[in-house]
Amino acid sequence: MGPGFFPLALGVILSLTGALIMLTARADAHAAAPAAEWRGWLCISAGIVAFVVVGATLGLLPATFATVFVSALGDRQNSLRAALILAVSMSVVCLVVFWWLLQVQMPLFRWGQG
């Protein structure tokens, strides 16, 4: 076994799994495709952009808050209050896991470029 064995084996297993799912799927010819959830797509995409922009200018903690808050608004069942609570909670998790435990080299707070 060389260094390419694991990626090859993983690729074969995933391909077989996909083929089995495809073969066993039941296609209903009369079912209409559900409408696209544009709000979710836009909010999640905006959350990724928010992480890049806010992270480069303000730091890790504000970037995490902005990302989670904006992305949480993509769910129609979330209110502003629920998104705020989720964003604060995930910011605390980010603080503990990424900054304190893993010591990621991104500053918690940064003011301006550079």
PDB file of N, CA and C in Angstrom:
ATOM      1  N   MET A   1       0.843  -1.187   0.000  1.00  0.00           N
ATOM      2  CA  MET A   1       0.000   0.000   0.000  1.00  0.00           C
ATOM      3  C   MET A   1       0.883   1.243   0.000  1.00  0.00           C
ATOM      4  N   GLY A   2       0.606   2.103  -0.945  1.00  0.00           N
ATOM      5  CA  GLY A   2       1.355   3.345  -1.038  1.00  0.00           C
ATOM      6  C   GLY A   2       0.552   4.503  -0.470  1.00  0.00           C
ATOM      7  N   PRO A   3       1.055   5.718  -0.667  1.00  0.00           N
ATOM      8  CA  PRO A   3       0.372   6.881  -0.112  1.00  0.00           C
ATOM      9  C   PRO A   3      -0.960   7.191  -0.785  1.00  0.00           C
ATOM     10  N   GLY A   4      -1.208   6.639  -1.952  1.00  0.00           N
ATOM     11  CA  GLY A   4      -2.467   6.905  -2.638  1.00  0.00           C
ATOM     12  C   GLY A   4      -3.544   5.883  -2.356  1.00  0.00           C
ATOM     13  N   PHE A   5      -3.260   4.884  -1.517  1.00  0.00           N
ATOM     14  CA  PHE A   5      -4.241   3.825  -1.268  1.00  0.00           C
ATOM     15  C   PHE A   5      -5.488   4.349  -0.570  1.00  0.00           C
ATOM     16  N   PHE A   6      -5.310   5.126   0.495  1.00  0.00           N
ATOM     17  CA  PHE A   6      -6.470   5.598   1.249  1.00  0.00           C
ATOM     18  C   PHE A   6      -7.370   6.508   0.415  1.00  0.00           C
ATOM     19  N   PRO A   7      -6.822   7.518  -0.297  1.00  0.00           N
ATOM     20  CA  PRO A   7      -7.721   8.335  -1.131  1.00  0.00           C
ATOM     21  C   PRO A   7      -8.429   7.523  -2.209  1.00  0.00           C
ATOM     22  N   LEU A   8      -7.735   6.543  -2.791  1.00  0.00           N
ATOM     23  CA  LEU A   8      -8.361   5.703  -3.808  1.00  0.00           C
ATOM     24  C   LEU A   8      -9.479   4.858  -3.201  1.00  0.00           C
ATOM     25  N   ALA A   9      -9.207   4.236  -2.064  1.00  0.00           N
ATOM     26  CA  ALA A   9     -10.217   3.408  -1.407  1.00  0.00           C
ATOM     27  C   ALA A   9     -11.416   4.253  -0.987  1.00  0.00           C
ATOM     28  N   LEU A  10     -11.166   5.437  -0.462  1.00  0.00           N
ATOM     29  CA  LEU A  10     -12.253   6.320  -0.055  1.00  0.00           C
ATOM     30  C   LEU A  10     -13.086   6.745  -1.258  1.00  0.00           C
ATOM     31  N   GLY A  11     -12.427   7.054  -2.368  1.00  0.00           N
ATOM     32  CA  GLY A  11     -13.138   7.433  -3.585  1.00  0.00           C
ATOM     33  C   GLY A  11     -14.003   6.308  -4.119  1.00  0.00           C
ATOM     34  N   VAL A  12     -13.482   5.074  -4.084  1.00  0.00           N
ATOM     35  CA  VAL A  12     -14.247   3.923  -4.558  1.00  0.00           C
ATOM     36  C   VAL A  12     -15.458   3.688  -3.656  1.00  0.00           C
ATOM     37  N   ILE A  13     -15.262   3.762  -2.365  1.00  0.00           N
ATOM     38  CA  ILE A  13     -16.367   3.543  -1.420  1.00  0.00           C
ATOM     39  C   ILE A  13     -17.446   4.613  -1.604  1.00  0.00           C
ATOM     40  N   LEU A  14     -17.027   5.871  -1.745  1.00  0.00           N
ATOM     41  CA  LEU A  14     -18.010   6.935  -1.932  1.00  0.00           C
ATOM     42  C   LEU A  14     -18.731   6.808  -3.269  1.00  0.00           C
ATOM     43  N   SER A  15     -18.014   6.393  -4.306  1.00  0.00           N
ATOM     44  CA  SER A  15     -18.653   6.193  -5.612  1.00  0.00           C
ATOM     45  C   SER A  15     -19.672   5.070  -5.553  1.00  0.00           C
ATOM     46  N   LEU A  16     -19.324   3.977  -4.900  1.00  0.00           N
ATOM     47  CA  LEU A  16     -20.265   2.866  -4.771  1.00  0.00           C
ATOM     48  C   LEU A  16     -21.485   3.262  -3.946  1.00  0.00           C
ATOM     49  N   THR A  17     -21.255   4.007  -2.892  1.00  0.00           N
ATOM     50  CA  THR A  17     -22.377   4.472  -2.076  1.00  0.00           C
ATOM     51  C   THR A  17     -23.299   5.369  -2.894  1.00  0.00           C
ATOM     52  N   GLY A  18     -22.726   6.287  -3.668  1.00  0.00           N
ATOM     53  CA  GLY A  18     -23.534   7.155  -4.522  1.00  0.00           C
ATOM     54  C   GLY A  18     -24.305   6.374  -5.567  1.00  0.00           C
ATOM     55  N   ALA A  19     -23.665   5.359  -6.153  1.00  0.00           N
ATOM     56  CA  ALA A  19     -24.340   4.538  -7.159  1.00  0.00           C
ATOM     57  C   ALA A  19     -25.495   3.761  -6.529  1.00  0.00           C
ATOM     58  N   LEU A  20     -25.299   3.233  -5.326  1.00  0.00           N
ATOM     59  CA  LEU A  20     -26.383   2.514  -4.643  1.00  0.00           C
ATOM     60  C   LEU A  20     -27.548   3.446  -4.312  1.00  0.00           C
ATOM     61  N   ILE A  21     -27.241   4.644  -3.868  1.00  0.00           N
ATOM     62  CA  ILE A  21     -28.305   5.607  -3.580  1.00  0.00           C
ATOM     63  C   ILE A  21     -29.065   5.947  -4.858  1.00  0.00           C
ATOM     64  N   MET A  22     -28.327   6.145  -5.940  1.00  0.00           N
ATOM     65  CA  MET A  22     -28.960   6.488  -7.207  1.00  0.00           C
ATOM     66  C   MET A  22     -29.844   5.349  -7.708  1.00  0.00           C
ATOM     67  N   LEU A  23     -29.382   4.116  -7.580  1.00  0.00           N
ATOM     68  CA  LEU A  23     -30.151   2.977  -8.075  1.00  0.00           C
ATOM     69  C   LEU A  23     -31.385   2.684  -7.232  1.00  0.00           C
ATOM     70  N   THR A  24     -31.315   2.950  -5.949  1.00  0.00           N
ATOM     71  CA  THR A  24     -32.441   2.633  -5.077  1.00  0.00           C
ATOM     72  C   THR A  24     -33.415   3.800  -4.911  1.00  0.00           C
ATOM     73  N   ALA A  25     -33.072   4.961  -5.436  1.00  0.00           N
ATOM     74  CA  ALA A  25     -33.960   6.117  -5.312  1.00  0.00           C
ATOM     75  C   ALA A  25     -35.216   5.880  -6.133  1.00  0.00           C
ATOM     76  N   ARG A  26     -36.312   6.286  -5.570  1.00  0.00           N
ATOM     77  CA  ARG A  26     -37.589   6.132  -6.269  1.00  0.00           C
ATOM     78  C   ARG A  26     -37.971   7.467  -6.874  1.00  0.00           C
ATOM     79  N   ALA A  27     -38.017   7.496  -8.164  1.00  0.00           N
ATOM     80  CA  ALA A  27     -38.383   8.735  -8.853  1.00  0.00           C
ATOM     81  C   ALA A  27     -39.895   8.777  -9.007  1.00  0.00           C
ATOM     82  N   ASP A  28     -40.487   9.835  -8.509  1.00  0.00           N
ATOM     83  CA  ASP A  28     -41.923  10.038  -8.650  1.00  0.00           C
ATOM     84  C   ASP A  28     -42.139  11.026  -9.786  1.00  0.00           C
ATOM     85  N   ALA A  29     -42.675  10.557 -10.886  1.00  0.00           N
ATOM     86  CA  ALA A  29     -42.809  11.386 -12.088  1.00  0.00           C
ATOM     87  C   ALA A  29     -43.815  12.514 -11.894  1.00  0.00           C
ATOM     88  N   HIS A  30     -44.735  12.371 -10.953  1.00  0.00           N
ATOM     89  CA  HIS A  30     -45.783  13.369 -10.787  1.00  0.00           C
ATOM     90  C   HIS A  30     -45.452  14.411  -9.719  1.00  0.00           C
ATOM     91  N   ALA A  31     -44.384  14.219  -8.998  1.00  0.00           N
ATOM     92  CA  ALA A  31     -44.047  15.165  -7.933  1.00  0.00           C
ATOM     93  C   ALA A  31     -43.336  16.376  -8.516  1.00  0.00           C
ATOM     94  N   ALA A  32     -43.776  17.531  -8.107  1.00  0.00           N
ATOM     95  CA  ALA A  32     -43.141  18.769  -8.559  1.00  0.00           C
ATOM     96  C   ALA A  32     -41.933  19.070  -7.673  1.00  0.00           C
ATOM     97  N   ALA A  33     -40.907  19.618  -8.253  1.00  0.00           N
ATOM     98  CA  ALA A  33     -39.722  19.984  -7.492  1.00  0.00           C
ATOM     99  C   ALA A  33     -40.062  21.151  -6.567  1.00  0.00           C
ATOM    100  N   PRO A  34     -39.557  21.126  -5.344  1.00  0.00           N
ATOM    101  CA  PRO A  34     -39.853  22.234  -4.433  1.00  0.00           C
ATOM    102  C   PRO A  34     -39.180  23.518  -4.923  1.00  0.00           C
ATOM    103  N   ALA A  35     -39.775  24.629  -4.557  1.00  0.00           N
ATOM    104  CA  ALA A  35     -39.231  25.931  -4.956  1.00  0.00           C
ATOM    105  C   ALA A  35     -37.896  26.159  -4.263  1.00  0.00           C
ATOM    106  N   ALA A  36     -37.026  26.865  -4.925  1.00  0.00           N
ATOM    107  CA  ALA A  36     -35.710  27.165  -4.359  1.00  0.00           C
ATOM    108  C   ALA A  36     -35.862  28.088  -3.155  1.00  0.00           C
ATOM    109  N   GLU A  37     -35.078  27.845  -2.126  1.00  0.00           N
ATOM    110  CA  GLU A  37     -35.080  28.677  -0.924  1.00  0.00           C
ATOM    111  C   GLU A  37     -34.034  29.770  -1.085  1.00  0.00           C
ATOM    112  N   TRP A  38     -34.402  30.821  -1.801  1.00  0.00           N
ATOM    113  CA  TRP A  38     -33.452  31.888  -2.108  1.00  0.00           C
ATOM    114  C   TRP A  38     -32.991  32.624  -0.871  1.00  0.00           C
ATOM    115  N   ARG A  39     -33.857  32.781   0.100  1.00  0.00           N
ATOM    116  CA  ARG A  39     -33.467  33.484   1.333  1.00  0.00           C
ATOM    117  C   ARG A  39     -32.331  32.746   2.029  1.00  0.00           C
ATOM    118  N   GLY A  40     -32.458  31.431   2.129  1.00  0.00           N
ATOM    119  CA  GLY A  40     -31.404  30.641   2.757  1.00  0.00           C
ATOM    120  C   GLY A  40     -30.095  30.709   1.996  1.00  0.00           C
ATOM    121  N   TRP A  41     -30.181  30.546   0.667  1.00  0.00           N
ATOM    122  CA  TRP A  41     -28.973  30.607  -0.170  1.00  0.00           C
ATOM    123  C   TRP A  41     -28.272  31.956  -0.017  1.00  0.00           C
ATOM    124  N   LEU A  42     -29.047  33.030  -0.088  1.00  0.00           N
ATOM    125  CA  LEU A  42     -28.455  34.367  -0.016  1.00  0.00           C
ATOM    126  C   LEU A  42     -27.861  34.658   1.357  1.00  0.00           C
ATOM    127  N   CYS A  43     -28.565  34.267   2.409  1.00  0.00           N
ATOM    128  CA  CYS A  43     -28.060  34.548   3.750  1.00  0.00           C
ATOM    129  C   CYS A  43     -26.797  33.737   4.065  1.00  0.00           C
ATOM    130  N   ILE A  44     -26.763  32.486   3.656  1.00  0.00           N
ATOM    131  CA  ILE A  44     -25.565  31.682   3.915  1.00  0.00           C
ATOM    132  C   ILE A  44     -24.386  32.196   3.099  1.00  0.00           C
ATOM    133  N   SER A  45     -24.624  32.562   1.845  1.00  0.00           N
ATOM    134  CA  SER A  45     -23.551  33.140   1.032  1.00  0.00           C
ATOM    135  C   SER A  45     -23.080  34.466   1.611  1.00  0.00           C
ATOM    136  N   ALA A  46     -24.017  35.288   2.058  1.00  0.00           N
ATOM    137  CA  ALA A  46     -23.654  36.561   2.676  1.00  0.00           C
ATOM    138  C   ALA A  46     -22.902  36.342   3.988  1.00  0.00           C
ATOM    139  N   GLY A  47     -23.213  35.267   4.699  1.00  0.00           N
ATOM    140  CA  GLY A  47     -22.491  34.951   5.927  1.00  0.00           C
ATOM    141  C   GLY A  47     -21.033  34.624   5.661  1.00  0.00           C
ATOM    142  N   ILE A  48     -20.767  33.908   4.570  1.00  0.00           N
ATOM    143  CA  ILE A  48     -19.387  33.586   4.210  1.00  0.00           C
ATOM    144  C   ILE A  48     -18.627  34.858   3.837  1.00  0.00           C
ATOM    145  N   VAL A  49     -19.267  35.708   3.051  1.00  0.00           N
ATOM    146  CA  VAL A  49     -18.642  36.985   2.679  1.00  0.00           C
ATOM    147  C   VAL A  49     -18.428  37.843   3.930  1.00  0.00           C
ATOM    148  N   ALA A  50     -19.381  37.822   4.847  1.00  0.00           N
ATOM    149  CA  ALA A  50     -19.251  38.598   6.083  1.00  0.00           C
ATOM    150  C   ALA A  50     -18.053  38.127   6.894  1.00  0.00           C
ATOM    151  N   PHE A  51     -17.785  36.820   6.933  1.00  0.00           N
ATOM    152  CA  PHE A  51     -16.636  36.330   7.685  1.00  0.00           C
ATOM    153  C   PHE A  51     -15.338  36.867   7.095  1.00  0.00           C
ATOM    154  N   VAL A  52     -15.243  36.852   5.782  1.00  0.00           N
ATOM    155  CA  VAL A  52     -14.020  37.327   5.131  1.00  0.00           C
ATOM    156  C   VAL A  52     -13.825  38.824   5.384  1.00  0.00           C
ATOM    157  N   VAL A  53     -14.864  39.611   5.164  1.00  0.00           N
ATOM    158  CA  VAL A  53     -14.748  41.064   5.291  1.00  0.00           C
ATOM    159  C   VAL A  53     -14.554  41.476   6.748  1.00  0.00           C
ATOM    160  N   VAL A  54     -15.418  40.964   7.624  1.00  0.00           N
ATOM    161  CA  VAL A  54     -15.341  41.350   9.037  1.00  0.00           C
ATOM    162  C   VAL A  54     -14.090  40.767   9.686  1.00  0.00           C
ATOM    163  N   GLY A  55     -13.709  39.554   9.315  1.00  0.00           N
ATOM    164  CA  GLY A  55     -12.502  38.954   9.881  1.00  0.00           C
ATOM    165  C   GLY A  55     -11.248  39.713   9.513  1.00  0.00           C
ATOM    166  N   ALA A  56     -11.188  40.230   8.302  1.00  0.00           N
ATOM    167  CA  ALA A  56     -10.008  40.986   7.865  1.00  0.00           C
ATOM    168  C   ALA A  56      -9.926  42.352   8.531  1.00  0.00           C
ATOM    169  N   THR A  57     -11.055  42.917   8.885  1.00  0.00           N
ATOM    170  CA  THR A  57     -11.035  44.270   9.447  1.00  0.00           C
ATOM    171  C   THR A  57     -11.238  44.321  10.961  1.00  0.00           C
ATOM    172  N   LEU A  58     -12.019  43.418  11.530  1.00  0.00           N
ATOM    173  CA  LEU A  58     -12.347  43.513  12.963  1.00  0.00           C
ATOM    174  C   LEU A  58     -11.848  42.351  13.812  1.00  0.00           C
ATOM    175  N   GLY A  59     -11.526  41.205  13.220  1.00  0.00           N
ATOM    176  CA  GLY A  59     -11.004  40.094  13.997  1.00  0.00           C
ATOM    177  C   GLY A  59     -11.922  38.884  14.029  1.00  0.00           C
ATOM    178  N   LEU A  60     -11.479  37.855  14.750  1.00  0.00           N
ATOM    179  CA  LEU A  60     -12.153  36.555  14.769  1.00  0.00           C
ATOM    180  C   LEU A  60     -13.517  36.596  15.452  1.00  0.00           C
ATOM    181  N   LEU A  61     -13.607  37.208  16.600  1.00  0.00           N
ATOM    182  CA  LEU A  61     -14.868  37.184  17.347  1.00  0.00           C
ATOM    183  C   LEU A  61     -15.985  37.951  16.640  1.00  0.00           C
ATOM    184  N   PRO A  62     -15.756  39.170  16.158  1.00  0.00           N
ATOM    185  CA  PRO A  62     -16.817  39.845  15.402  1.00  0.00           C
ATOM    186  C   PRO A  62     -17.166  39.112  14.101  1.00  0.00           C
ATOM    187  N   ALA A  63     -16.165  38.498  13.468  1.00  0.00           N
ATOM    188  CA  ALA A  63     -16.423  37.766  12.224  1.00  0.00           C
ATOM    189  C   ALA A  63     -17.306  36.557  12.486  1.00  0.00           C
ATOM    190  N   THR A  64     -17.044  35.847  13.570  1.00  0.00           N
ATOM    191  CA  THR A  64     -17.871  34.698  13.918  1.00  0.00           C
ATOM    192  C   THR A  64     -19.290  35.132  14.231  1.00  0.00           C
ATOM    193  N   PHE A  65     -19.426  36.199  15.004  1.00  0.00           N
ATOM    194  CA  PHE A  65     -20.756  36.704  15.338  1.00  0.00           C
ATOM    195  C   PHE A  65     -21.516  37.085  14.075  1.00  0.00           C
ATOM    196  N   ALA A  66     -20.874  37.837  13.185  1.00  0.00           N
ATOM    197  CA  ALA A  66     -21.542  38.295  11.962  1.00  0.00           C
ATOM    198  C   ALA A  66     -21.937  37.118  11.078  1.00  0.00           C
ATOM    199  N   THR A  67     -21.049  36.159  10.937  1.00  0.00           N
ATOM    200  CA  THR A  67     -21.330  35.000  10.087  1.00  0.00           C
ATOM    201  C   THR A  67     -22.535  34.220  10.588  1.00  0.00           C
ATOM    202  N   VAL A  68     -22.530  33.917  11.871  1.00  0.00           N
ATOM    203  CA  VAL A  68     -23.625  33.112  12.427  1.00  0.00           C
ATOM    204  C   VAL A  68     -24.931  33.900  12.413  1.00  0.00           C
ATOM    205  N   PHE A  69     -24.877  35.179  12.734  1.00  0.00           N
ATOM    206  CA  PHE A  69     -26.093  35.989  12.763  1.00  0.00           C
ATOM    207  C   PHE A  69     -26.727  36.090  11.375  1.00  0.00           C
ATOM    208  N   VAL A  70     -25.919  36.423  10.383  1.00  0.00           N
ATOM    209  CA  VAL A  70     -26.451  36.579   9.021  1.00  0.00           C
ATOM    210  C   VAL A  70     -26.935  35.235   8.476  1.00  0.00           C
ATOM    211  N   SER A  71     -26.171  34.165   8.707  1.00  0.00           N
ATOM    212  CA  SER A  71     -26.568  32.841   8.207  1.00  0.00           C
ATOM    213  C   SER A  71     -27.830  32.334   8.893  1.00  0.00           C
ATOM    214  N   ALA A  72     -27.986  32.634  10.179  1.00  0.00           N
ATOM    215  CA  ALA A  72     -29.173  32.179  10.912  1.00  0.00           C
ATOM    216  C   ALA A  72     -30.440  32.849  10.404  1.00  0.00           C
ATOM    217  N   LEU A  73     -30.313  34.018   9.835  1.00  0.00           N
ATOM    218  CA  LEU A  73     -31.487  34.699   9.294  1.00  0.00           C
ATOM    219  C   LEU A  73     -32.004  34.024   8.025  1.00  0.00           C
ATOM    220  N   GLY A  74     -31.246  33.108   7.466  1.00  0.00           N
ATOM    221  CA  GLY A  74     -31.692  32.379   6.285  1.00  0.00           C
ATOM    222  C   GLY A  74     -32.807  31.394   6.578  1.00  0.00           C
ATOM    223  N   ASP A  75     -32.953  30.994   7.834  1.00  0.00           N
ATOM    224  CA  ASP A  75     -34.032  30.094   8.228  1.00  0.00           C
ATOM    225  C   ASP A  75     -35.267  30.926   8.544  1.00  0.00           C
ATOM    226  N   ARG A  76     -36.343  30.658   7.861  1.00  0.00           N
ATOM    227  CA  ARG A  76     -37.571  31.442   8.043  1.00  0.00           C
ATOM    228  C   ARG A  76     -38.152  31.305   9.444  1.00  0.00           C
ATOM    229  N   GLN A  77     -37.812  30.246  10.150  1.00  0.00           N
ATOM    230  CA  GLN A  77     -38.347  30.038  11.489  1.00  0.00           C
ATOM    231  C   GLN A  77     -37.557  30.778  12.560  1.00  0.00           C
ATOM    232  N   ASN A  78     -36.378  31.302  12.223  1.00  0.00           N
ATOM    233  CA  ASN A  78     -35.573  32.046  13.186  1.00  0.00           C
ATOM    234  C   ASN A  78     -36.041  33.487  13.272  1.00  0.00           C
ATOM    235  N   SER A  79     -36.132  33.980  14.483  1.00  0.00           N
ATOM    236  CA  SER A  79     -36.420  35.399  14.691  1.00  0.00           C
ATOM    237  C   SER A  79     -35.085  36.119  14.894  1.00  0.00           C
ATOM    238  N   LEU A  80     -35.143  37.436  14.968  1.00  0.00           N
ATOM    239  CA  LEU A  80     -33.922  38.199  15.246  1.00  0.00           C
ATOM    240  C   LEU A  80     -33.344  37.824  16.604  1.00  0.00           C
ATOM    241  N   ARG A  81     -34.218  37.601  17.559  1.00  0.00           N
ATOM    242  CA  ARG A  81     -33.775  37.225  18.907  1.00  0.00           C
ATOM    243  C   ARG A  81     -33.081  35.869  18.883  1.00  0.00           C
ATOM    244  N   ALA A  82     -33.659  34.892  18.175  1.00  0.00           N
ATOM    245  CA  ALA A  82     -33.055  33.569  18.091  1.00  0.00           C
ATOM    246  C   ALA A  82     -31.708  33.627  17.372  1.00  0.00           C
ATOM    247  N   ALA A  83     -31.623  34.428  16.322  1.00  0.00           N
ATOM    248  CA  ALA A  83     -30.354  34.572  15.600  1.00  0.00           C
ATOM    249  C   ALA A  83     -29.306  35.231  16.491  1.00  0.00           C
ATOM    250  N   LEU A  84     -29.717  36.203  17.287  1.00  0.00           N
ATOM    251  CA  LEU A  84     -28.799  36.881  18.196  1.00  0.00           C
ATOM    252  C   LEU A  84     -28.281  35.916  19.262  1.00  0.00           C
ATOM    253  N   ILE A  85     -29.172  35.131  19.850  1.00  0.00           N
ATOM    254  CA  ILE A  85     -28.763  34.161  20.869  1.00  0.00           C
ATOM    255  C   ILE A  85     -27.819  33.120  20.274  1.00  0.00           C
ATOM    256  N   LEU A  86     -28.127  32.637  19.087  1.00  0.00           N
ATOM    257  CA  LEU A  86     -27.270  31.668  18.420  1.00  0.00           C
ATOM    258  C   LEU A  86     -25.899  32.270  18.108  1.00  0.00           C
ATOM    259  N   ALA A  87     -25.870  33.510  17.640  1.00  0.00           N
ATOM    260  CA  ALA A  87     -24.603  34.157  17.303  1.00  0.00           C
ATOM    261  C   ALA A  87     -23.739  34.371  18.540  1.00  0.00           C
ATOM    262  N   VAL A  88     -24.341  34.786  19.638  1.00  0.00           N
ATOM    263  CA  VAL A  88     -23.584  34.975  20.878  1.00  0.00           C
ATOM    264  C   VAL A  88     -23.057  33.634  21.386  1.00  0.00           C
ATOM    265  N   SER A  89     -23.899  32.598  21.336  1.00  0.00           N
ATOM    266  CA  SER A  89     -23.480  31.272  21.792  1.00  0.00           C
ATOM    267  C   SER A  89     -22.318  30.734  20.966  1.00  0.00           C
ATOM    268  N   MET A  90     -22.422  30.860  19.645  1.00  0.00           N
ATOM    269  CA  MET A  90     -21.349  30.359  18.787  1.00  0.00           C
ATOM    270  C   MET A  90     -20.078  31.188  18.919  1.00  0.00           C
ATOM    271  N   SER A  91     -20.211  32.460  19.240  1.00  0.00           N
ATOM    272  CA  SER A  91     -19.034  33.287  19.477  1.00  0.00           C
ATOM    273  C   SER A  91     -18.285  32.817  20.723  1.00  0.00           C
ATOM    274  N   VAL A  92     -19.024  32.422  21.750  1.00  0.00           N
ATOM    275  CA  VAL A  92     -18.395  31.885  22.958  1.00  0.00           C
ATOM    276  C   VAL A  92     -17.704  30.550  22.640  1.00  0.00           C
ATOM    277  N   VAL A  93     -18.366  29.700  21.864  1.00  0.00           N
ATOM    278  CA  VAL A  93     -17.760  28.426  21.460  1.00  0.00           C
ATOM    279  C   VAL A  93     -16.501  28.691  20.640  1.00  0.00           C
ATOM    280  N   CYS A  94     -16.565  29.641  19.731  1.00  0.00           N
ATOM    281  CA  CYS A  94     -15.399  30.009  18.918  1.00  0.00           C
ATOM    282  C   CYS A  94     -14.257  30.488  19.800  1.00  0.00           C
ATOM    283  N   LEU A  95     -14.571  31.311  20.785  1.00  0.00           N
ATOM    284  CA  LEU A  95     -13.559  31.822  21.708  1.00  0.00           C
ATOM    285  C   LEU A  95     -12.856  30.684  22.424  1.00  0.00           C
ATOM    286  N   VAL A  96     -13.613  29.742  22.941  1.00  0.00           N
ATOM    287  CA  VAL A  96     -13.031  28.635  23.698  1.00  0.00           C
ATOM    288  C   VAL A  96     -12.267  27.676  22.789  1.00  0.00           C
ATOM    289  N   VAL A  97     -12.886  27.248  21.703  1.00  0.00           N
ATOM    290  CA  VAL A  97     -12.285  26.206  20.871  1.00  0.00           C
ATOM    291  C   VAL A  97     -11.134  26.732  20.022  1.00  0.00           C
ATOM    292  N   PHE A  98     -11.393  27.766  19.235  1.00  0.00           N
ATOM    293  CA  PHE A  98     -10.391  28.187  18.262  1.00  0.00           C
ATOM    294  C   PHE A  98      -9.309  29.089  18.842  1.00  0.00           C
ATOM    295  N   TRP A  99      -9.696  30.002  19.723  1.00  0.00           N
ATOM    296  CA  TRP A  99      -8.691  30.936  20.214  1.00  0.00           C
ATOM    297  C   TRP A  99      -7.960  30.400  21.429  1.00  0.00           C
ATOM    298  N   TRP A 100      -8.702  29.796  22.377  1.00  0.00           N
ATOM    299  CA  TRP A 100      -8.070  29.356  23.613  1.00  0.00           C
ATOM    300  C   TRP A 100      -7.466  27.961  23.476  1.00  0.00           C
ATOM    301  N   LEU A 101      -8.236  26.977  22.998  1.00  0.00           N
ATOM    302  CA  LEU A 101      -7.727  25.602  22.919  1.00  0.00           C
ATOM    303  C   LEU A 101      -6.778  25.391  21.732  1.00  0.00           C
ATOM    304  N   LEU A 102      -7.184  25.777  20.538  1.00  0.00           N
ATOM    305  CA  LEU A 102      -6.373  25.542  19.346  1.00  0.00           C
ATOM    306  C   LEU A 102      -5.363  26.653  19.077  1.00  0.00           C
ATOM    307  N   GLN A 103      -5.529  27.781  19.734  1.00  0.00           N
ATOM    308  CA  GLN A 103      -4.645  28.939  19.602  1.00  0.00           C
ATOM    309  C   GLN A 103      -4.441  29.342  18.142  1.00  0.00           C
ATOM    310  N   VAL A 104      -5.549  29.516  17.440  1.00  0.00           N
ATOM    311  CA  VAL A 104      -5.520  29.974  16.056  1.00  0.00           C
ATOM    312  C   VAL A 104      -4.893  31.361  16.023  1.00  0.00           C
ATOM    313  N   GLN A 105      -4.036  31.600  15.052  1.00  0.00           N
ATOM    314  CA  GLN A 105      -3.265  32.841  14.991  1.00  0.00           C
ATOM    315  C   GLN A 105      -4.026  33.997  14.352  1.00  0.00           C
ATOM    316  N   MET A 106      -5.309  34.067  14.580  1.00  0.00           N
ATOM    317  CA  MET A 106      -6.108  35.203  14.118  1.00  0.00           C
ATOM    318  C   MET A 106      -6.510  35.989  15.364  1.00  0.00           C
ATOM    319  N   PRO A 107      -6.248  37.299  15.401  1.00  0.00           N
ATOM    320  CA  PRO A 107      -6.566  38.044  16.622  1.00  0.00           C
ATOM    321  C   PRO A 107      -8.067  38.097  16.890  1.00  0.00           C
ATOM    322  N   LEU A 108      -8.421  38.120  18.174  1.00  0.00           N
ATOM    323  CA  LEU A 108      -9.830  38.184  18.538  1.00  0.00           C
ATOM    324  C   LEU A 108     -10.457  39.480  18.056  1.00  0.00           C
ATOM    325  N   PHE A 109      -9.770  40.581  18.282  1.00  0.00           N
ATOM    326  CA  PHE A 109     -10.258  41.887  17.853  1.00  0.00           C
ATOM    327  C   PHE A 109      -9.143  42.602  17.116  1.00  0.00           C
ATOM    328  N   ARG A 110      -9.514  43.280  16.061  1.00  0.00           N
ATOM    329  CA  ARG A 110      -8.556  44.043  15.250  1.00  0.00           C
ATOM    330  C   ARG A 110      -9.286  45.298  14.794  1.00  0.00           C
ATOM    331  N   TRP A 111      -8.597  46.403  14.805  1.00  0.00           N
ATOM    332  CA  TRP A 111      -9.230  47.653  14.383  1.00  0.00           C
ATOM    333  C   TRP A 111      -8.588  48.120  13.099  1.00  0.00           C
ATOM    334  N   GLY A 112      -9.316  47.996  12.006  1.00  0.00           N
ATOM    335  CA  GLY A 112      -8.826  48.444  10.705  1.00  0.00           C
ATOM    336  C   GLY A 112      -7.998  47.392   9.998  1.00  0.00           C
ATOM    337  N   GLN A 113      -7.414  47.746   8.872  1.00  0.00           N
ATOM    338  CA  GLN A 113      -6.615  46.819   8.055  1.00  0.00           C
ATOM    339  C   GLN A 113      -5.281  46.566   8.718  1.00  0.00           C
ATOM    340  N   GLY A 114      -4.804  45.313   8.542  1.00  0.00           N
ATOM    341  CA  GLY A 114      -3.442  44.978   8.903  1.00  0.00           C
ATOM    342  C   GLY A 114      -3.216  44.685  10.301  1.00  0.00           C
TER     343      GLY A 114
END
